C-alpha atoms as a PDB file:
ATOM      1  CA  MET A   1      -7.652 -36.422 -16.676  1.00  0.00           C
ATOM      2  CA  ILE A   2      -7.998 -35.080 -13.093  1.00  0.00           C
ATOM      3  CA  ARG A   3      -6.423 -37.235 -10.387  1.00  0.00           C
ATOM      4  CA  LYS A   4      -8.876 -38.615  -7.834  1.00  0.00           C
ATOM      5  CA  ASN A   5      -7.284 -36.879  -4.854  1.00  0.00           C
ATOM      6  CA  TYR A   6      -6.236 -33.747  -6.733  1.00  0.00           C
ATOM      7  CA  LYS A   7      -6.611 -30.498  -4.798  1.00  0.00           C
ATOM      8  CA  LYS A   8      -6.864 -27.237  -6.693  1.00  0.00           C
ATOM      9  CA  ARG A   9      -3.896 -25.007  -5.960  1.00  0.00           C
ATOM     10  CA  ILE A  10      -3.851 -21.381  -4.819  1.00  0.00           C
ATOM     11  CA  LEU A  11      -0.668 -19.324  -4.981  1.00  0.00           C
ATOM     12  CA  ALA A  12      -0.867 -16.617  -2.287  1.00  0.00           C
ATOM     13  CA  VAL A  13       1.687 -13.828  -2.751  1.00  0.00           C
ATOM     14  CA  ASP A  14       1.980 -11.294   0.083  1.00  0.00           C
ATOM     15  CA  ASP A  15       4.766  -9.908   2.258  1.00  0.00           C
ATOM     16  CA  ALA A  16       2.457  -9.863   5.314  1.00  0.00           C
ATOM     17  CA  ALA A  17       2.835 -13.191   7.104  1.00  0.00           C
ATOM     18  CA  ILE A  18      -0.454 -12.795   8.972  1.00  0.00           C
ATOM     19  CA  ILE A  19      -2.456 -12.571   5.736  1.00  0.00           C
ATOM     20  CA  LEU A  20      -0.750 -15.669   4.332  1.00  0.00           C
ATOM     21  CA  GLN A  21      -1.545 -17.494   7.580  1.00  0.00           C
ATOM     22  CA  ARG A  22      -5.219 -16.462   7.419  1.00  0.00           C
ATOM     23  CA  ILE A  23      -5.483 -17.735   3.857  1.00  0.00           C
ATOM     24  CA  THR A  24      -3.855 -21.039   4.773  1.00  0.00           C
ATOM     25  CA  ASP A  25      -6.003 -21.494   7.878  1.00  0.00           C
ATOM     26  CA  ALA A  26      -9.227 -20.778   5.992  1.00  0.00           C
ATOM     27  CA  LEU A  27      -8.581 -22.729   2.806  1.00  0.00           C
ATOM     28  CA  GLY A  28      -5.875 -25.289   3.543  1.00  0.00           C
ATOM     29  CA  LYS A  29      -8.408 -28.009   4.328  1.00  0.00           C
ATOM     30  CA  TYR A  30      -9.990 -27.774   0.893  1.00  0.00           C
ATOM     31  CA  TYR A  31      -7.188 -26.564  -1.388  1.00  0.00           C
ATOM     32  CA  MET A  32      -3.434 -26.747  -1.653  1.00  0.00           C
ATOM     33  CA  VAL A  33      -2.263 -23.260  -0.607  1.00  0.00           C
ATOM     34  CA  ILE A  34       1.266 -22.302  -1.662  1.00  0.00           C
ATOM     35  CA  THR A  35       2.513 -19.133   0.055  1.00  0.00           C
ATOM     36  CA  VAL A  36       5.397 -16.896  -1.001  1.00  0.00           C
ATOM     37  CA  ASN A  37       6.361 -13.502   0.397  1.00  0.00           C
ATOM     38  CA  SER A  38       7.599 -11.675  -2.707  1.00  0.00           C
ATOM     39  CA  GLY A  39       6.920 -11.187  -6.376  1.00  0.00           C
ATOM     40  CA  LEU A  40      10.323 -12.654  -7.239  1.00  0.00           C
ATOM     41  CA  ARG A  41       9.534 -15.893  -5.413  1.00  0.00           C
ATOM     42  CA  ALA A  42       6.131 -16.042  -7.097  1.00  0.00           C
ATOM     43  CA  LEU A  43       7.728 -15.780 -10.538  1.00  0.00           C
ATOM     44  CA  ARG A  44      10.249 -18.509  -9.694  1.00  0.00           C
ATOM     45  CA  PHE A  45       7.401 -20.783  -8.628  1.00  0.00           C
ATOM     46  CA  LEU A  46       5.419 -20.021 -11.774  1.00  0.00           C
ATOM     47  CA  GLU A  47       8.360 -20.941 -13.981  1.00  0.00           C
ATOM     48  CA  LYS A  48       7.841 -24.533 -12.838  1.00  0.00           C
ATOM     49  CA  GLU A  49       4.223 -24.799 -11.681  1.00  0.00           C
ATOM     50  CA  LYS A  50       0.797 -23.539 -12.755  1.00  0.00           C
ATOM     51  CA  PRO A  51      -1.684 -22.910  -9.919  1.00  0.00           C
ATOM     52  CA  ASP A  52      -5.429 -22.638 -10.435  1.00  0.00           C
ATOM     53  CA  LEU A  53      -5.651 -19.134  -8.924  1.00  0.00           C
ATOM     54  CA  ILE A  54      -3.318 -16.405  -7.656  1.00  0.00           C
ATOM     55  CA  LEU A  55      -3.838 -14.036  -4.724  1.00  0.00           C
ATOM     56  CA  LEU A  56      -1.511 -11.089  -5.341  1.00  0.00           C
ATOM     57  CA  ASP A  57      -0.597  -8.177  -3.060  1.00  0.00           C
ATOM     58  CA  ILE A  58       0.073  -5.089  -5.169  1.00  0.00           C
ATOM     59  CA  ARG A  59       2.071  -3.187  -2.498  1.00  0.00           C
ATOM     60  CA  MET A  60       5.076  -5.480  -2.107  1.00  0.00           C
ATOM     61  CA  THR A  61       8.645  -4.279  -2.455  1.00  0.00           C
ATOM     62  CA  PRO A  62      10.963  -4.235  -4.307  1.00  0.00           C
ATOM     63  CA  LYS A  63       8.820  -5.819  -7.049  1.00  0.00           C
ATOM     64  CA  ASP A  64       5.208  -4.739  -6.545  1.00  0.00           C
ATOM     65  CA  GLY A  65       2.127  -6.635  -7.623  1.00  0.00           C
ATOM     66  CA  PHE A  66       1.626  -4.640 -10.819  1.00  0.00           C
ATOM     67  CA  GLU A  67       5.115  -5.427 -12.072  1.00  0.00           C
ATOM     68  CA  THR A  68       4.757  -9.043 -10.957  1.00  0.00           C
ATOM     69  CA  LEU A  69       1.476  -9.413 -12.852  1.00  0.00           C
ATOM     70  CA  ARG A  70       2.933  -7.933 -16.035  1.00  0.00           C
ATOM     71  CA  GLU A  71       5.665 -10.573 -15.937  1.00  0.00           C
ATOM     72  CA  ILE A  72       3.144 -13.335 -15.218  1.00  0.00           C
ATOM     73  CA  ARG A  73       1.052 -12.248 -18.198  1.00  0.00           C
ATOM     74  CA  ALA A  74       4.161 -12.431 -20.394  1.00  0.00           C
ATOM     75  CA  MET A  75       4.892 -16.027 -19.352  1.00  0.00           C
ATOM     76  CA  GLU A  76       3.895 -18.809 -21.706  1.00  0.00           C
ATOM     77  CA  ASP A  77       0.763 -20.667 -20.533  1.00  0.00           C
ATOM     78  CA  ARG A  78       0.342 -18.450 -17.433  1.00  0.00           C
ATOM     79  CA  ALA A  79      -1.637 -15.475 -18.757  1.00  0.00           C
ATOM     80  CA  ASP A  80      -4.979 -17.176 -18.185  1.00  0.00           C
ATOM     81  CA  ILE A  81      -4.595 -17.806 -14.442  1.00  0.00           C
ATOM     82  CA  PRO A  82      -7.327 -15.924 -12.500  1.00  0.00           C
ATOM     83  CA  VAL A  83      -5.986 -13.310 -10.062  1.00  0.00           C
ATOM     84  CA  ILE A  84      -7.488 -11.671  -6.961  1.00  0.00           C
ATOM     85  CA  PHE A  85      -5.675  -8.536  -5.815  1.00  0.00           C
ATOM     86  CA  LEU A  86      -4.960  -7.239  -2.322  1.00  0.00           C
ATOM     87  CA  HIS A  87      -4.687  -3.513  -1.449  1.00  0.00           C
ATOM     88  CA  GLY A  88      -5.920  -2.282  -4.825  1.00  0.00           C
ATOM     89  CA  CYS A  89      -7.167  -3.203  -8.289  1.00  0.00           C
ATOM     90  CA  TYR A  90      -5.417  -3.574 -11.614  1.00  0.00           C
ATOM     91  CA  ARG A  91      -7.486  -1.382 -13.905  1.00  0.00           C
ATOM     92  CA  GLU A  92      -5.833  -2.631 -17.078  1.00  0.00           C
ATOM     93  CA  LEU A  93      -7.316  -6.072 -16.378  1.00  0.00           C
ATOM     94  CA  ALA A  94     -11.022  -6.067 -17.197  1.00  0.00           C
ATOM     95  CA  GLY A  95     -13.219  -7.556 -14.489  1.00  0.00           C
ATOM     96  CA  SER A  96     -10.430  -7.728 -11.902  1.00  0.00           C
ATOM     97  CA  VAL A  97     -11.481  -8.498  -8.336  1.00  0.00           C
ATOM     98  CA  CYS A  98      -9.721  -7.056  -5.313  1.00  0.00           C
ATOM     99  CA  VAL A  99      -9.727  -6.431  -1.584  1.00  0.00           C
ATOM    100  CA  SER A 100      -8.529  -2.835  -1.373  1.00  0.00           C
ATOM    101  CA  ASP A 101      -7.909  -0.005   1.058  1.00  0.00           C
ATOM    102  CA  ASP A 102     -10.176   3.054   1.122  1.00  0.00           C
ATOM    103  CA  ASN A 103      -7.342   5.295   0.005  1.00  0.00           C
ATOM    104  CA  PHE A 104      -9.506   8.347  -0.684  1.00  0.00           C
ATOM    105  CA  GLY A 105     -11.000   8.041   2.815  1.00  0.00           C
ATOM    106  CA  GLY A 106      -7.530   7.583   4.270  1.00  0.00           C
ATOM    107  CA  GLY A 107      -6.184  10.760   2.695  1.00  0.00           C
ATOM    108  CA  TYR A 108      -9.232  12.616   3.944  1.00  0.00           C
ATOM    109  CA  MET A 109      -8.835  11.196   7.472  1.00  0.00           C
ATOM    110  CA  LEU A 110      -5.167  12.181   7.783  1.00  0.00           C
ATOM    111  CA  ALA A 111      -5.848  15.703   6.538  1.00  0.00           C
ATOM    112  CA  ARG A 112      -8.754  16.102   8.978  1.00  0.00           C
ATOM    113  CA  HIS A 113      -6.528  14.892  11.809  1.00  0.00           C
ATOM    114  CA  LEU A 114      -3.964  17.598  11.029  1.00  0.00           C
ATOM    115  CA  ILE A 115      -6.588  20.294  10.453  1.00  0.00           C
ATOM    116  CA  THR A 116      -8.260  19.611  13.808  1.00  0.00           C
ATOM    117  CA  ARG A 117      -4.847  20.008  15.427  1.00  0.00           C
ATOM    118  CA  GLY A 118      -4.575  23.534  14.035  1.00  0.00           C
ATOM    119  CA  HIS A 119      -2.579  22.972  10.841  1.00  0.00           C
ATOM    120  CA  THR A 120      -3.732  25.039   7.868  1.00  0.00           C
ATOM    121  CA  ARG A 121      -0.668  24.755   5.613  1.00  0.00           C
ATOM    122  CA  ILE A 122      -0.219  21.059   4.891  1.00  0.00           C
ATOM    123  CA  ALA A 123       2.143  19.533   2.337  1.00  0.00           C
ATOM    124  CA  GLY A 124       2.006  16.074   0.776  1.00  0.00           C
ATOM    125  CA  ILE A 125       4.284  13.428  -0.711  1.00  0.00           C
ATOM    126  CA  PHE A 126       2.556  10.908  -2.980  1.00  0.00           C
ATOM    127  CA  LYS A 127       3.508   8.191  -5.450  1.00  0.00           C
ATOM    128  CA  SER A 128       2.750   9.180  -9.015  1.00  0.00           C
ATOM    129  CA  ASP A 129       2.665   5.857 -10.844  1.00  0.00           C
ATOM    130  CA  ASP A 130       0.092   3.897  -8.912  1.00  0.00           C
ATOM    131  CA  ILE A 131      -3.607   4.552  -8.336  1.00  0.00           C
ATOM    132  CA  GLN A 132      -3.267   4.503  -4.538  1.00  0.00           C
ATOM    133  CA  GLY A 133      -1.121   7.619  -4.573  1.00  0.00           C
ATOM    134  CA  HIS A 134      -3.675   9.555  -6.610  1.00  0.00           C
ATOM    135  CA  GLN A 135      -6.579   8.345  -4.467  1.00  0.00           C
ATOM    136  CA  ARG A 136      -4.797   9.373  -1.259  1.00  0.00           C
ATOM    137  CA  TYR A 137      -3.998  12.786  -2.753  1.00  0.00           C
ATOM    138  CA  LEU A 138      -7.628  13.308  -3.795  1.00  0.00           C
ATOM    139  CA  GLY A 139      -8.821  12.518  -0.263  1.00  0.00           C
ATOM    140  CA  PHE A 140      -6.288  15.037   1.088  1.00  0.00           C
ATOM    141  CA  LEU A 141      -7.415  17.638  -1.461  1.00  0.00           C
ATOM    142  CA  SER A 142     -11.090  17.075  -0.631  1.00  0.00           C
ATOM    143  CA  ALA A 143     -10.511  17.556   3.103  1.00  0.00           C
ATOM    144  CA  MET A 144      -8.619  20.797   2.466  1.00  0.00           C
ATOM    145  CA  ARG A 145     -11.420  22.104   0.241  1.00  0.00           C
ATOM    146  CA  ASP A 146     -14.098  21.123   2.763  1.00  0.00           C
ATOM    147  CA  ALA A 147     -12.196  23.084   5.404  1.00  0.00           C
ATOM    148  CA  GLY A 148     -11.886  26.110   3.106  1.00  0.00           C
ATOM    149  CA  LEU A 149      -8.088  25.808   3.003  1.00  0.00           C
ATOM    150  CA  PRO A 150      -5.937  26.396  -0.084  1.00  0.00           C
ATOM    151  CA  LEU A 151      -3.754  23.656  -1.516  1.00  0.00           C
ATOM    152  CA  ALA A 152      -1.205  24.869  -4.038  1.00  0.00           C
ATOM    153  CA  ASP A 153       0.676  22.614  -6.458  1.00  0.00           C
ATOM    154  CA  GLY A 154       3.845  23.761  -4.728  1.00  0.00           C
ATOM    155  CA  GLN A 155       2.770  21.922  -1.573  1.00  0.00           C
ATOM    156  CA  VAL A 156       2.674  18.441  -3.148  1.00  0.00           C
ATOM    157  CA  LEU A 157       5.671  16.372  -4.233  1.00  0.00           C
ATOM    158  CA  TRP A 158       5.106  13.431  -6.577  1.00  0.00           C
ATOM    159  CA  TYR A 159       7.674  10.645  -6.914  1.00  0.00           C
ATOM    160  CA  SER A 160       7.937   7.575  -9.139  1.00  0.00           C
ATOM    161  CA  THR A 161       8.890   3.956  -8.518  1.00  0.00           C
ATOM    162  CA  GLU A 162      12.326   4.682  -9.964  1.00  0.00           C
ATOM    163  CA  GLU A 163      12.821   7.663  -7.649  1.00  0.00           C
ATOM    164  CA  ARG A 164      11.670   5.524  -4.700  1.00  0.00           C
ATOM    165  CA  LYS A 165      14.385   3.017  -5.554  1.00  0.00           C
ATOM    166  CA  TYR A 166      17.107   5.665  -5.406  1.00  0.00           C
ATOM    167  CA  LEU A 167      15.730   7.124  -2.175  1.00  0.00           C
ATOM    168  CA  LEU A 168      14.997   3.968  -0.195  1.00  0.00           C
ATOM    169  CA  ASP A 169      17.327   1.369  -1.696  1.00  0.00           C
ATOM    170  CA  TYR A 170      20.363   3.514  -2.477  1.00  0.00           C
ATOM    171  CA  GLY A 171      20.010   6.177   0.210  1.00  0.00           C
ATOM    172  CA  TYR A 172      19.990   9.203  -2.092  1.00  0.00           C
ATOM    173  CA  THR A 173      18.148  11.978  -0.240  1.00  0.00           C
ATOM    174  CA  GLN A 174      18.265  14.720  -2.885  1.00  0.00           C
ATOM    175  CA  LEU A 175      14.543  14.384  -3.606  1.00  0.00           C
ATOM    176  CA  LEU A 176      13.562  14.937   0.031  1.00  0.00           C
ATOM    177  CA  GLU A 177      16.139  17.707   0.478  1.00  0.00           C
ATOM    178  CA  HIS A 178      14.551  19.476  -2.479  1.00  0.00           C
ATOM    179  CA  PHE A 179      11.141  18.936  -0.848  1.00  0.00           C
ATOM    180  CA  LEU A 180      12.368  20.590   2.365  1.00  0.00           C
ATOM    181  CA  ARG A 181      13.744  23.591   0.503  1.00  0.00           C
ATOM    182  CA  ALA A 182      11.053  24.135  -2.113  1.00  0.00           C
ATOM    183  CA  TYR A 183       7.852  22.638  -0.704  1.00  0.00           C
ATOM    184  CA  LEU A 184       8.041  22.726   3.077  1.00  0.00           C
ATOM    185  CA  ARG A 185       9.204  26.268   3.750  1.00  0.00           C
ATOM    186  CA  SER A 186       5.740  27.577   4.593  1.00  0.00           C
ATOM    187  CA  CYS A 187       4.046  24.347   5.763  1.00  0.00           C
ATOM    188  CA  THR A 188       3.714  22.969   9.278  1.00  0.00           C
ATOM    189  CA  ALA A 189       2.622  19.410   8.455  1.00  0.00           C
ATOM    190  CA  VAL A 190       3.109  16.688   5.836  1.00  0.00           C
ATOM    191  CA  ILE A 191       1.018  13.725   4.711  1.00  0.00           C
ATOM    192  CA  CYS A 192       3.274  10.965   3.362  1.00  0.00           C
ATOM    193  CA  TYR A 193       2.331   8.175   0.964  1.00  0.00           C
ATOM    194  CA  ASN A 194       3.614   5.521   3.368  1.00  0.00           C
ATOM    195  CA  ASP A 195       5.749   4.942   6.465  1.00  0.00           C
ATOM    196  CA  GLU A 196       8.921   4.286   4.448  1.00  0.00           C
ATOM    197  CA  ILE A 197       8.819   7.826   3.056  1.00  0.00           C
ATOM    198  CA  ALA A 198       7.739   9.321   6.391  1.00  0.00           C
ATOM    199  CA  ASP A 199      10.656   7.648   8.175  1.00  0.00           C
ATOM    200  CA  LYS A 200      13.180   9.030   5.682  1.00  0.00           C
ATOM    201  CA  LEU A 201      11.603  12.489   5.880  1.00  0.00           C
ATOM    202  CA  ILE A 202      11.627  12.606   9.685  1.00  0.00           C
ATOM    203  CA  ARG A 203      15.264  11.499   9.853  1.00  0.00           C
ATOM    204  CA  LEU A 204      16.193  14.252   7.392  1.00  0.00           C
ATOM    205  CA  LEU A 205      14.155  16.851   9.307  1.00  0.00           C
ATOM    206  CA  LEU A 206      15.941  15.937  12.549  1.00  0.00           C
ATOM    207  CA  GLU A 207      19.297  16.094  10.766  1.00  0.00           C
ATOM    208  CA  LYS A 208      18.402  19.631   9.633  1.00  0.00           C
ATOM    209  CA  LYS A 209      17.505  20.572  13.246  1.00  0.00           C
ATOM    210  CA  ARG A 210      13.765  20.679  12.513  1.00  0.00           C
ATOM    211  CA  ARG A 211      11.673  19.330  15.390  1.00  0.00           C
ATOM    212  CA  VAL A 212       8.915  16.766  14.847  1.00  0.00           C
ATOM    213  CA  PRO A 213       6.095  17.502  15.562  1.00  0.00           C
ATOM    214  CA  GLU A 214       6.826  20.932  17.072  1.00  0.00           C
ATOM    215  CA  ASP A 215       8.104  22.438  13.792  1.00  0.00           C
ATOM    216  CA  VAL A 216       6.655  19.930  11.322  1.00  0.00           C
ATOM    217  CA  ALA A 217       4.044  17.241  11.996  1.00  0.00           C
ATOM    218  CA  VAL A 218       4.294  14.099   9.860  1.00  0.00           C
ATOM    219  CA  VAL A 219       1.553  11.522   9.263  1.00  0.00           C
ATOM    220  CA  SER A 220       1.408   8.500   7.020  1.00  0.00           C
ATOM    221  CA  PHE A 221      -0.197   5.245   5.886  1.00  0.00           C
ATOM    222  CA  ASP A 222       0.289   1.541   6.799  1.00  0.00           C
ATOM    223  CA  ASN A 223       1.374   1.605  10.483  1.00  0.00           C
ATOM    224  CA  SER A 224       4.262  -0.666   9.488  1.00  0.00           C
ATOM    225  CA  TYR A 225       7.376  -1.425  11.533  1.00  0.00           C
ATOM    226  CA  TYR A 226       8.914   1.763  10.085  1.00  0.00           C
ATOM    227  CA  SER A 227       6.419   3.762  12.139  1.00  0.00           C
ATOM    228  CA  ASP A 228       7.818   2.329  15.379  1.00  0.00           C
ATOM    229  CA  LEU A 229      11.506   2.169  14.423  1.00  0.00           C
ATOM    230  CA  CYS A 230      11.571   5.846  13.418  1.00  0.00           C
ATOM    231  CA  PRO A 231      13.288   8.172  15.954  1.00  0.00           C
ATOM    232  CA  VAL A 232       9.903   9.905  16.312  1.00  0.00           C
ATOM    233  CA  ARG A 233       7.180   7.261  16.189  1.00  0.00           C
ATOM    234  CA  ILE A 234       4.888   8.003  13.261  1.00  0.00           C
ATOM    235  CA  THR A 235       1.164   8.683  13.429  1.00  0.00           C
ATOM    236  CA  SER A 236      -0.154   6.345  10.765  1.00  0.00           C
ATOM    237  CA  LEU A 237      -3.291   4.729   9.402  1.00  0.00           C
ATOM    238  CA  PHE A 238      -3.931   1.019   9.778  1.00  0.00           C
ATOM    239  CA  HIS A 239      -6.632  -1.531   9.226  1.00  0.00           C
ATOM    240  CA  GLU A 240      -7.179  -4.871  10.884  1.00  0.00           C
ATOM    241  CA  THR A 241      -4.884  -7.172   8.918  1.00  0.00           C
ATOM    242  CA  HIS A 242      -6.833 -10.250   9.957  1.00  0.00           C
ATOM    243  CA  ARG A 243      -9.953  -8.710   8.390  1.00  0.00           C
ATOM    244  CA  MET A 244      -8.235  -8.315   5.027  1.00  0.00           C
ATOM    245  CA  GLY A 245      -7.020 -11.892   5.223  1.00  0.00           C
ATOM    246  CA  ARG A 246     -10.517 -13.116   6.091  1.00  0.00           C
ATOM    247  CA  LEU A 247     -12.108 -11.198   3.201  1.00  0.00           C
ATOM    248  CA  ALA A 248      -9.455 -12.430   0.778  1.00  0.00           C
ATOM    249  CA  ALA A 249     -10.057 -16.018   1.887  1.00  0.00           C
ATOM    250  CA  SER A 250     -13.800 -15.594   1.385  1.00  0.00           C
ATOM    251  CA  LEU A 251     -13.328 -14.218  -2.132  1.00  0.00           C
ATOM    252  CA  LEU A 252     -10.909 -17.001  -2.997  1.00  0.00           C
ATOM    253  CA  LEU A 253     -13.313 -19.652  -1.784  1.00  0.00           C
ATOM    254  CA  ASP A 254     -16.205 -18.179  -3.785  1.00  0.00           C
ATOM    255  CA  ARG A 255     -14.036 -17.862  -6.897  1.00  0.00           C
ATOM    256  CA  MET A 256     -12.770 -21.432  -6.627  1.00  0.00           C
ATOM    257  CA  GLU A 257     -16.325 -22.713  -6.189  1.00  0.00           C
ATOM    258  CA  GLY A 258     -17.557 -20.792  -9.216  1.00  0.00           C
ATOM    259  CA  ARG A 259     -19.729 -18.356  -7.280  1.00  0.00           C
ATOM    260  CA  PRO A 260     -19.954 -14.680  -8.344  1.00  0.00           C
ATOM    261  CA  VAL A 261     -17.486 -12.390  -6.571  1.00  0.00           C
ATOM    262  CA  ALA A 262     -17.242  -8.612  -6.158  1.00  0.00           C
ATOM    263  CA  SER A 263     -14.445  -6.348  -4.972  1.00  0.00           C
ATOM    264  CA  GLN A 264     -14.375  -5.279  -1.313  1.00  0.00           C
ATOM    265  CA  THR A 265     -13.046  -2.091   0.324  1.00  0.00           C
ATOM    266  CA  ILE A 266     -11.658  -1.795   3.869  1.00  0.00           C
ATOM    267  CA  SER A 267     -11.669   1.453   5.866  1.00  0.00           C
ATOM    268  CA  TRP A 268      -8.615   2.781   7.691  1.00  0.00           C
ATOM    269  CA  LYS A 269      -8.208   3.583  11.384  1.00  0.00           C
ATOM    270  CA  LEU A 270      -5.853   6.183  12.869  1.00  0.00           C
ATOM    271  CA  MET A 271      -3.014   5.152  15.194  1.00  0.00           C
ATOM    272  CA  ARG A 272      -1.793   8.372  16.760  1.00  0.00           C
ATOM    273  CA  LYS A 273       1.816   8.355  17.923  1.00  0.00           C
ATOM    274  CA  GLU A 274       4.480  11.021  18.501  1.00  0.00           C
ATOM    275  CA  SER A 275       4.877  12.635  15.060  1.00  0.00           C
ATOM    276  CA  SER A 276       1.653  14.686  15.148  1.00  0.00           C
END
C-alpha cells in the first residue's frame, strides 16, 4: 500500500556537485532526491534503501559507474531499479538511457586543434577498457586520416583501469616513462584521455627537461581542476555542466512520469590554455 504523502525517490550519483544541485533544484519539489558523490556511498545507501530510480555517472573515481552498476545488479532486490547514465551508456544493459559526451567529436576536435597549429606527428594515450577511450581514439584517427597524416600503432598507448590505479593512486610512473621512450620520440604533440593523465605526463616531461608546449604540446578532455593545477595549464575540452544537469533532470522527470525517453549527446567545446 502506497502512503498518501509518499514521494518517489531518486538516487543521484555523481562527483560533480553542480550536476547534483541541478537535479535537486529541478526535481526536489516533486520527488525525494538523495544525492551522493561516489559509487561507494551509493552502494552503502542501497544496502539499506531502495530508490525508484538511479542517476549514475560512469566517470567517477576510484569506483566508476560501470563497476558500481555491476555491484548494484548483484545486490538482492536491487537489480530491477531503472538507471539513467551520465557521460556514456552501458551497452551490456539493453535499452539503457544516457546523457553522454560526443567522444568521437571530441577526439576529432583535439586532433584538428593540434593539426592547425602545425603538428603532423601526434601521439595519444587512451583508456582501453571503457567505450569512451575507444570513441576518443576513433575521432583522433579520423581527423588524422582526413588530414592525410599517418597514425602508426606505435604512437598510441592504451592503459587499463588497473594500470590507472598504479599510476594515479600509487604514483608509479613506469607506464608514462615507457611512453616517453618508446612512443614520443618522434612526436611533437599528445592527446590524453583526460586531465589526470595529462597532468602526470606534463609533470614527467618537465622533470625530463622537455618543454611544454615548445617541445611537446599536450591536450586533453574534461577541463577539470587538474587542468588548472598543472604546472603548465592544460588545453582541454569542456561542456556546459549545467546543460548536462538540465538534460539529466528532464530525462529523469520523463522516466518517472512514464513518458518515453531517448539518450542525448552533448558536444564539447575547446578551452585553450598554455599546454598547446
